N, C-alpha and C. Protein backbone atom coordinates (compact mmCIF):
# COMPACT_ATOMS: atom_id res chain seq x y z
N UNK A 1 -119.20 108.40 126.22
CA UNK A 1 -118.29 109.36 126.80
C UNK A 1 -116.99 108.65 127.17
N UNK A 2 -115.87 109.24 126.82
CA UNK A 2 -114.56 108.68 127.15
C UNK A 2 -114.14 109.17 128.53
N UNK A 3 -113.68 108.24 129.37
CA UNK A 3 -113.23 108.60 130.71
C UNK A 3 -111.84 108.04 130.97
N UNK A 4 -111.02 108.83 131.69
CA UNK A 4 -109.74 108.33 132.16
C UNK A 4 -110.00 107.24 133.20
N UNK A 5 -109.06 106.33 133.39
CA UNK A 5 -109.32 105.16 134.21
C UNK A 5 -109.73 105.46 135.64
N UNK A 6 -109.14 106.45 136.28
CA UNK A 6 -109.49 106.71 137.67
C UNK A 6 -110.96 107.11 137.80
N UNK A 7 -111.41 108.04 136.96
CA UNK A 7 -112.82 108.48 137.01
C UNK A 7 -113.74 107.33 136.59
N UNK A 8 -113.35 106.57 135.56
CA UNK A 8 -114.14 105.44 135.08
C UNK A 8 -114.38 104.45 136.22
N UNK A 9 -113.33 104.10 136.96
CA UNK A 9 -113.42 103.12 138.03
C UNK A 9 -114.20 103.66 139.23
N UNK A 10 -113.90 104.88 139.65
CA UNK A 10 -114.60 105.49 140.79
C UNK A 10 -116.10 105.60 140.48
N UNK A 11 -116.41 106.07 139.27
CA UNK A 11 -117.82 106.20 138.88
C UNK A 11 -118.50 104.84 138.82
N UNK A 12 -117.82 103.84 138.28
CA UNK A 12 -118.40 102.50 138.18
C UNK A 12 -118.69 101.93 139.57
N UNK A 13 -117.82 102.22 140.53
CA UNK A 13 -117.99 101.70 141.89
C UNK A 13 -119.12 102.41 142.63
N UNK A 14 -119.34 103.68 142.33
CA UNK A 14 -120.35 104.46 143.05
C UNK A 14 -121.71 104.47 142.37
N UNK A 15 -121.79 103.90 141.17
CA UNK A 15 -123.03 103.90 140.38
C UNK A 15 -123.80 102.61 140.65
N UNK A 16 -124.96 102.73 141.29
CA UNK A 16 -125.77 101.56 141.62
C UNK A 16 -126.31 100.84 140.38
N UNK A 17 -126.31 101.52 139.25
CA UNK A 17 -126.80 100.94 138.00
C UNK A 17 -125.68 100.47 137.09
N UNK A 18 -124.45 100.40 137.60
CA UNK A 18 -123.28 100.12 136.77
C UNK A 18 -123.20 98.67 136.33
N UNK A 19 -122.89 98.48 135.05
CA UNK A 19 -122.53 97.19 134.48
C UNK A 19 -121.18 97.40 133.80
N UNK A 20 -120.19 96.57 134.14
CA UNK A 20 -118.89 96.64 133.50
C UNK A 20 -118.89 95.64 132.35
N UNK A 21 -118.65 96.16 131.15
CA UNK A 21 -118.75 95.36 129.94
C UNK A 21 -117.40 95.27 129.24
N UNK A 22 -116.91 94.04 129.08
CA UNK A 22 -115.66 93.75 128.39
C UNK A 22 -116.02 93.29 126.99
N UNK A 23 -115.57 94.02 125.96
CA UNK A 23 -115.94 93.68 124.58
C UNK A 23 -114.80 92.97 123.83
N UNK A 24 -113.83 92.43 124.57
CA UNK A 24 -112.73 91.68 123.95
C UNK A 24 -113.20 90.27 123.59
N UNK A 25 -112.31 89.54 122.94
CA UNK A 25 -112.62 88.16 122.58
C UNK A 25 -112.63 87.30 123.84
N UNK A 26 -113.29 86.13 123.80
CA UNK A 26 -113.28 85.23 124.96
C UNK A 26 -111.86 84.84 125.39
N UNK A 27 -110.96 84.69 124.43
CA UNK A 27 -109.57 84.34 124.75
C UNK A 27 -108.90 85.46 125.54
N UNK A 28 -109.13 86.70 125.12
CA UNK A 28 -108.59 87.84 125.86
C UNK A 28 -109.21 87.92 127.25
N UNK A 29 -110.51 87.71 127.32
CA UNK A 29 -111.26 87.76 128.58
C UNK A 29 -110.68 86.78 129.59
N UNK A 30 -110.33 85.58 129.12
CA UNK A 30 -109.80 84.53 130.00
C UNK A 30 -108.45 84.90 130.61
N UNK A 31 -107.74 85.84 130.01
CA UNK A 31 -106.41 86.23 130.52
C UNK A 31 -106.49 87.14 131.73
N UNK A 32 -107.67 87.66 132.04
CA UNK A 32 -107.84 88.55 133.18
C UNK A 32 -108.81 89.66 132.86
N UNK A 33 -109.61 90.02 133.85
CA UNK A 33 -110.67 91.01 133.65
C UNK A 33 -110.68 92.04 134.78
N UNK A 34 -111.32 93.15 134.52
CA UNK A 34 -111.64 94.10 135.57
C UNK A 34 -112.78 93.46 136.37
N UNK A 35 -112.71 93.49 137.71
CA UNK A 35 -113.70 92.77 138.52
C UNK A 35 -115.15 93.03 138.11
N UNK A 36 -115.91 91.95 138.10
CA UNK A 36 -117.36 91.94 137.82
C UNK A 36 -117.73 92.20 136.36
N UNK A 37 -116.76 92.18 135.47
CA UNK A 37 -117.05 92.43 134.06
C UNK A 37 -117.80 91.26 133.44
N UNK A 38 -118.71 91.60 132.51
CA UNK A 38 -119.34 90.59 131.67
C UNK A 38 -118.72 90.73 130.28
N UNK A 39 -118.69 89.64 129.53
CA UNK A 39 -118.02 89.64 128.24
C UNK A 39 -119.01 89.48 127.10
N UNK A 40 -118.98 90.44 126.17
CA UNK A 40 -119.70 90.33 124.91
C UNK A 40 -118.70 90.75 123.83
N UNK A 41 -118.29 89.81 123.01
CA UNK A 41 -117.25 90.02 122.00
C UNK A 41 -117.76 90.88 120.84
N UNK A 42 -117.17 92.06 120.68
CA UNK A 42 -117.59 92.96 119.60
C UNK A 42 -117.33 92.35 118.23
N UNK A 43 -116.38 91.43 118.13
CA UNK A 43 -116.08 90.80 116.84
C UNK A 43 -117.15 89.81 116.39
N UNK A 44 -118.17 89.58 117.21
CA UNK A 44 -119.26 88.66 116.82
C UNK A 44 -120.22 89.29 115.81
N UNK A 45 -119.98 90.54 115.44
CA UNK A 45 -120.82 91.18 114.42
C UNK A 45 -122.27 91.28 114.84
N UNK A 46 -123.16 90.69 114.04
CA UNK A 46 -124.59 90.75 114.35
C UNK A 46 -124.88 90.06 115.68
N UNK A 47 -124.11 89.04 116.02
CA UNK A 47 -124.28 88.39 117.32
C UNK A 47 -124.04 89.35 118.47
N UNK A 48 -123.11 90.28 118.29
CA UNK A 48 -122.85 91.32 119.29
C UNK A 48 -124.10 92.17 119.48
N UNK A 49 -124.72 92.55 118.36
CA UNK A 49 -125.94 93.37 118.41
C UNK A 49 -127.05 92.61 119.15
N UNK A 50 -127.24 91.34 118.80
CA UNK A 50 -128.28 90.53 119.44
C UNK A 50 -128.06 90.45 120.94
N UNK A 51 -126.80 90.26 121.36
CA UNK A 51 -126.52 90.16 122.79
C UNK A 51 -126.73 91.49 123.49
N UNK A 52 -126.38 92.59 122.83
CA UNK A 52 -126.63 93.91 123.42
C UNK A 52 -128.12 94.13 123.63
N UNK A 53 -128.92 93.69 122.66
CA UNK A 53 -130.37 93.89 122.75
C UNK A 53 -131.00 93.19 123.95
N UNK A 54 -130.28 92.19 124.51
CA UNK A 54 -130.77 91.48 125.70
C UNK A 54 -130.50 92.26 126.99
N UNK A 55 -129.65 93.28 126.92
CA UNK A 55 -129.27 94.04 128.11
C UNK A 55 -130.30 95.10 128.46
N UNK A 56 -130.29 95.51 129.72
CA UNK A 56 -131.18 96.55 130.24
C UNK A 56 -130.62 97.92 129.82
N UNK A 57 -131.32 98.62 128.95
CA UNK A 57 -130.84 99.89 128.43
C UNK A 57 -130.88 101.01 129.45
N UNK A 58 -131.53 100.79 130.58
CA UNK A 58 -131.59 101.82 131.62
C UNK A 58 -130.36 101.81 132.54
N UNK A 59 -129.53 100.80 132.41
CA UNK A 59 -128.32 100.70 133.24
C UNK A 59 -127.21 101.59 132.67
N UNK A 60 -126.17 101.79 133.47
CA UNK A 60 -124.98 102.53 133.03
C UNK A 60 -123.92 101.51 132.67
N UNK A 61 -123.37 101.62 131.47
CA UNK A 61 -122.38 100.66 130.99
C UNK A 61 -120.99 101.26 130.94
N UNK A 62 -120.09 100.62 131.66
CA UNK A 62 -118.68 101.00 131.71
C UNK A 62 -117.95 99.98 130.85
N UNK A 63 -117.53 100.43 129.66
CA UNK A 63 -117.08 99.52 128.61
C UNK A 63 -115.57 99.61 128.43
N UNK A 64 -114.94 98.44 128.26
CA UNK A 64 -113.50 98.44 127.99
C UNK A 64 -113.14 97.31 127.03
N UNK A 65 -111.94 97.47 126.43
CA UNK A 65 -111.35 96.44 125.58
C UNK A 65 -109.86 96.42 125.89
N UNK A 66 -109.03 96.05 124.94
CA UNK A 66 -107.60 95.99 125.20
C UNK A 66 -106.97 97.39 125.24
N UNK A 67 -107.25 98.20 124.22
CA UNK A 67 -106.59 99.51 124.12
C UNK A 67 -107.54 100.70 124.06
N UNK A 68 -108.83 100.46 123.94
CA UNK A 68 -109.80 101.55 123.96
C UNK A 68 -110.54 101.82 122.66
N UNK A 69 -110.08 101.24 121.54
CA UNK A 69 -110.77 101.54 120.28
C UNK A 69 -112.01 100.68 120.07
N UNK A 70 -111.93 99.39 120.37
CA UNK A 70 -113.13 98.53 120.23
C UNK A 70 -114.22 98.99 121.19
N UNK A 71 -113.83 99.37 122.40
CA UNK A 71 -114.84 99.80 123.37
C UNK A 71 -115.47 101.13 122.97
N UNK A 72 -114.68 102.01 122.35
CA UNK A 72 -115.25 103.27 121.85
C UNK A 72 -116.29 102.96 120.78
N UNK A 73 -115.97 102.03 119.87
CA UNK A 73 -116.92 101.62 118.83
C UNK A 73 -118.15 100.98 119.46
N UNK A 74 -117.94 100.14 120.49
CA UNK A 74 -119.07 99.51 121.17
C UNK A 74 -119.99 100.55 121.78
N UNK A 75 -119.42 101.59 122.37
CA UNK A 75 -120.24 102.66 122.95
C UNK A 75 -121.07 103.35 121.87
N UNK A 76 -120.45 103.59 120.70
CA UNK A 76 -121.18 104.20 119.58
C UNK A 76 -122.37 103.33 119.17
N UNK A 77 -122.11 102.03 119.02
CA UNK A 77 -123.17 101.09 118.62
C UNK A 77 -124.27 101.08 119.69
N UNK A 78 -123.88 101.05 120.94
CA UNK A 78 -124.87 101.02 122.03
C UNK A 78 -125.74 102.27 122.02
N UNK A 79 -125.11 103.43 121.77
CA UNK A 79 -125.88 104.68 121.69
C UNK A 79 -126.91 104.60 120.56
N UNK A 80 -126.50 104.05 119.42
CA UNK A 80 -127.41 103.90 118.28
C UNK A 80 -128.57 102.96 118.60
N UNK A 81 -128.32 102.00 119.49
CA UNK A 81 -129.36 101.04 119.88
C UNK A 81 -130.26 101.55 120.99
N UNK A 82 -129.97 102.75 121.50
CA UNK A 82 -130.83 103.33 122.52
C UNK A 82 -130.31 103.27 123.94
N UNK A 83 -129.07 102.85 124.12
CA UNK A 83 -128.47 102.90 125.46
C UNK A 83 -128.11 104.35 125.75
N UNK A 84 -128.58 104.87 126.87
CA UNK A 84 -128.36 106.29 127.14
C UNK A 84 -127.06 106.57 127.87
N UNK A 85 -126.53 105.60 128.61
CA UNK A 85 -125.38 105.88 129.45
C UNK A 85 -124.27 104.86 129.22
N UNK A 86 -123.25 105.26 128.44
CA UNK A 86 -122.10 104.40 128.18
C UNK A 86 -120.82 105.19 128.41
N UNK A 87 -119.84 104.53 129.01
CA UNK A 87 -118.57 105.17 129.31
C UNK A 87 -117.43 104.29 128.80
N UNK A 88 -116.60 104.84 127.95
CA UNK A 88 -115.47 104.12 127.39
C UNK A 88 -114.23 104.35 128.26
N UNK A 89 -113.52 103.27 128.57
CA UNK A 89 -112.27 103.36 129.32
C UNK A 89 -111.13 103.71 128.37
N UNK A 90 -110.60 104.94 128.49
CA UNK A 90 -109.48 105.37 127.66
C UNK A 90 -108.26 104.51 127.96
N UNK A 91 -107.64 103.97 126.91
CA UNK A 91 -106.45 103.16 127.08
C UNK A 91 -106.71 101.69 127.32
N UNK A 92 -107.97 101.35 127.63
CA UNK A 92 -108.34 99.95 127.83
C UNK A 92 -107.59 99.26 128.95
N UNK A 93 -107.70 97.95 128.99
CA UNK A 93 -107.08 97.16 130.06
C UNK A 93 -105.56 97.15 129.93
N UNK A 94 -105.03 97.46 128.73
CA UNK A 94 -103.58 97.46 128.54
C UNK A 94 -102.90 98.55 129.37
N UNK A 95 -103.63 99.62 129.68
CA UNK A 95 -103.07 100.70 130.50
C UNK A 95 -103.68 100.71 131.91
N UNK A 96 -104.50 99.75 132.21
CA UNK A 96 -105.25 99.69 133.47
C UNK A 96 -104.31 99.48 134.64
N UNK A 97 -104.45 100.30 135.67
CA UNK A 97 -103.64 100.18 136.87
C UNK A 97 -104.47 99.70 138.06
N UNK A 98 -105.74 99.44 137.84
CA UNK A 98 -106.62 98.97 138.90
C UNK A 98 -106.57 97.46 139.02
N UNK A 99 -107.52 96.89 139.78
CA UNK A 99 -107.53 95.44 140.00
C UNK A 99 -107.87 94.66 138.74
N UNK A 100 -107.21 93.51 138.62
CA UNK A 100 -107.51 92.54 137.55
C UNK A 100 -107.68 91.19 138.22
N UNK A 101 -108.74 90.48 137.85
CA UNK A 101 -109.02 89.16 138.42
C UNK A 101 -109.23 88.15 137.30
N UNK A 102 -109.19 86.90 137.66
CA UNK A 102 -109.53 85.84 136.70
C UNK A 102 -111.04 85.73 136.62
N UNK A 103 -111.59 85.54 135.41
CA UNK A 103 -113.05 85.39 135.31
C UNK A 103 -113.51 84.12 136.01
N UNK A 104 -114.71 84.18 136.54
CA UNK A 104 -115.27 83.00 137.26
C UNK A 104 -115.72 81.95 136.28
């Protein structure tokens, strides 16, 4: 499901099962992230699939990338793999007006 940033962020903060997933490259990830995001690079191809399979499919995933297209594709792939709850951030981090932090 595609969500505008305000709803995406509010829902992610109020959802006890929320996982924020950044599907950009590690280089992009290092430039700044939405707080508490984990990084799985969608460009890893089959490696991306393997890493997704390690995740808890019962959680809610709030997914973003730079502009919103990679994260939309990631949500599609996750749905095909059996993830029931995925939310794509429309506009990605490039249009993000919320907090950005350096990854730990």
